[in-house]
Amino acid sequence: MSDTVVDSSVVAKWILPEPDSAQAQRLITEVALQGERLIVLDLALVEVANAIWKRHHRKFATLVETRQFLDELLHCPVHIESASHLLKPALEIAAQYDRSIYMPCSWH
């Protein structure tokens, strides 16, 4: 069994109607069928909550819808991993490959 790590852009697509939301939703099913876990860093929840707030702030979602989005986020079928213990290995990888530690992926 292997796990699948996803970033906040994928999690946001599970909650908010965005391009590729259907593809992101399929990932949940595929991972579950394979008996794997979906893993996100704890920071992803804050990032997605902020994206939810932005929807409300820009008047793309009512407060009721915003609360529903947040409830969906809090009930996502994911394993939440703390970022703090990954910082040292992240620094080593970033230094080796000349990449930033925080480099979010885009969904393709």
Protein backbone atom coordinates (compact mmCIF):
# COMPACT_ATOMS: atom_id res chain seq x y z
CA MET A 1 0.00 0.00 0.00
CA SER A 2 1.29 3.45 -0.87
CA ASP A 3 -0.12 6.82 0.01
CA THR A 4 -0.97 9.80 -2.15
CA VAL A 5 0.06 13.27 -1.04
CA VAL A 6 -2.00 16.19 -2.32
CA ASP A 7 -1.53 19.91 -1.98
CA SER A 8 -4.04 22.59 -1.15
CA SER A 9 -4.90 23.28 -4.80
CA VAL A 10 -6.27 19.75 -5.12
CA VAL A 11 -8.13 19.93 -1.81
CA ALA A 12 -9.68 23.24 -2.89
CA LYS A 13 -10.99 21.55 -6.02
CA TRP A 14 -12.77 18.99 -3.81
CA ILE A 15 -14.61 21.78 -2.03
CA LEU A 16 -14.97 24.66 -4.47
CA PRO A 17 -16.33 24.43 -8.01
CA GLU A 18 -13.23 25.01 -10.12
CA PRO A 19 -11.82 23.76 -13.40
CA ASP A 20 -10.69 20.16 -12.94
CA SER A 21 -12.86 19.65 -9.84
CA ALA A 22 -14.23 16.43 -11.35
CA GLN A 23 -10.71 15.12 -11.91
CA ALA A 24 -9.77 15.97 -8.32
CA GLN A 25 -12.92 14.21 -7.06
CA ARG A 26 -11.99 11.07 -9.03
CA LEU A 27 -8.70 11.00 -7.15
CA ILE A 28 -10.59 10.43 -3.89
CA THR A 29 -12.35 7.41 -5.37
CA GLU A 30 -9.24 5.98 -7.03
CA VAL A 31 -7.15 6.25 -3.87
CA ALA A 32 -9.90 4.68 -1.77
CA LEU A 33 -10.32 1.79 -4.22
CA GLN A 34 -6.58 1.11 -4.00
CA GLY A 35 -6.71 1.07 -0.20
CA GLU A 36 -4.40 4.06 0.03
CA ARG A 37 -4.51 7.18 2.17
CA LEU A 38 -4.76 10.75 0.97
CA ILE A 39 -2.31 12.89 2.89
CA VAL A 40 -2.23 16.69 3.20
CA LEU A 41 -0.03 18.95 5.25
CA ASP A 42 -1.79 20.80 8.04
CA LEU A 43 -1.01 24.05 6.26
CA ALA A 44 -3.28 23.01 3.38
CA LEU A 45 -6.36 23.34 5.57
CA VAL A 46 -5.52 26.96 6.33
CA GLU A 47 -4.81 27.68 2.66
CA VAL A 48 -8.11 26.17 1.52
CA ALA A 49 -10.02 27.93 4.31
CA ASN A 50 -8.54 31.19 3.02
CA ALA A 51 -9.64 30.33 -0.53
CA ILE A 52 -13.12 29.69 0.84
CA TRP A 53 -13.08 33.07 2.59
CA LYS A 54 -11.95 34.76 -0.63
CA ARG A 55 -15.03 33.36 -2.37
CA HIS A 56 -17.20 35.02 0.25
CA HIS A 57 -15.17 38.24 0.28
CA ARG A 58 -15.49 38.56 -3.51
CA LYS A 59 -19.24 37.90 -3.27
CA PHE A 60 -19.01 34.59 -5.14
CA ALA A 61 -20.51 32.72 -2.16
CA THR A 62 -23.01 33.60 0.54
CA LEU A 63 -22.07 33.21 4.18
CA VAL A 64 -24.24 30.09 4.34
CA GLU A 65 -22.40 28.59 1.34
CA THR A 66 -19.06 29.61 2.87
CA ARG A 67 -19.90 27.77 6.08
CA GLN A 68 -20.93 24.71 4.05
CA PHE A 69 -17.63 24.80 2.15
CA LEU A 70 -15.73 24.92 5.43
CA ASP A 71 -17.74 21.99 6.81
CA GLU A 72 -16.88 20.01 3.67
CA LEU A 73 -13.21 20.85 4.14
CA LEU A 74 -13.28 19.67 7.73
CA HIS A 75 -14.81 16.36 6.64
CA CYS A 76 -12.46 15.58 3.76
CA PRO A 77 -11.26 11.96 3.80
CA VAL A 78 -7.61 12.85 4.36
CA HIS A 79 -4.83 12.10 6.77
CA ILE A 80 -3.44 15.40 8.06
CA GLU A 81 0.32 15.46 8.48
CA SER A 82 2.13 18.11 10.49
CA ALA A 83 4.55 20.13 8.38
CA SER A 84 6.94 20.81 11.26
CA HIS A 85 8.73 17.45 11.24
CA LEU A 86 9.14 17.64 7.46
CA LEU A 87 10.99 20.96 7.42
CA LYS A 88 14.50 19.53 7.80
CA PRO A 89 14.14 16.97 5.01
CA ALA A 90 12.39 19.63 2.91
CA LEU A 91 15.37 21.93 3.30
CA GLU A 92 17.73 19.18 2.17
CA ILE A 93 15.63 18.40 -0.89
CA ALA A 94 15.24 22.10 -1.71
CA ALA A 95 18.99 22.65 -1.47
CA GLN A 96 19.78 19.57 -3.56
CA TYR A 97 17.39 20.49 -6.37
CA ASP A 98 17.63 24.29 -6.08
CA ARG A 99 13.90 24.64 -5.39
CA SER A 100 12.02 26.52 -2.72
CA ILE A 101 10.77 24.59 0.29
CA TYR A 102 7.28 25.82 -0.35
CA MET A 103 6.50 25.15 -3.98
CA PRO A 104 2.83 24.37 -4.47
CA CYS A 105 1.93 22.19 -7.41
CA SER A 106 -0.70 23.04 -9.93
CA TRP A 107 -3.26 20.44 -10.91
CA HIS A 108 -2.70 19.20 -14.46
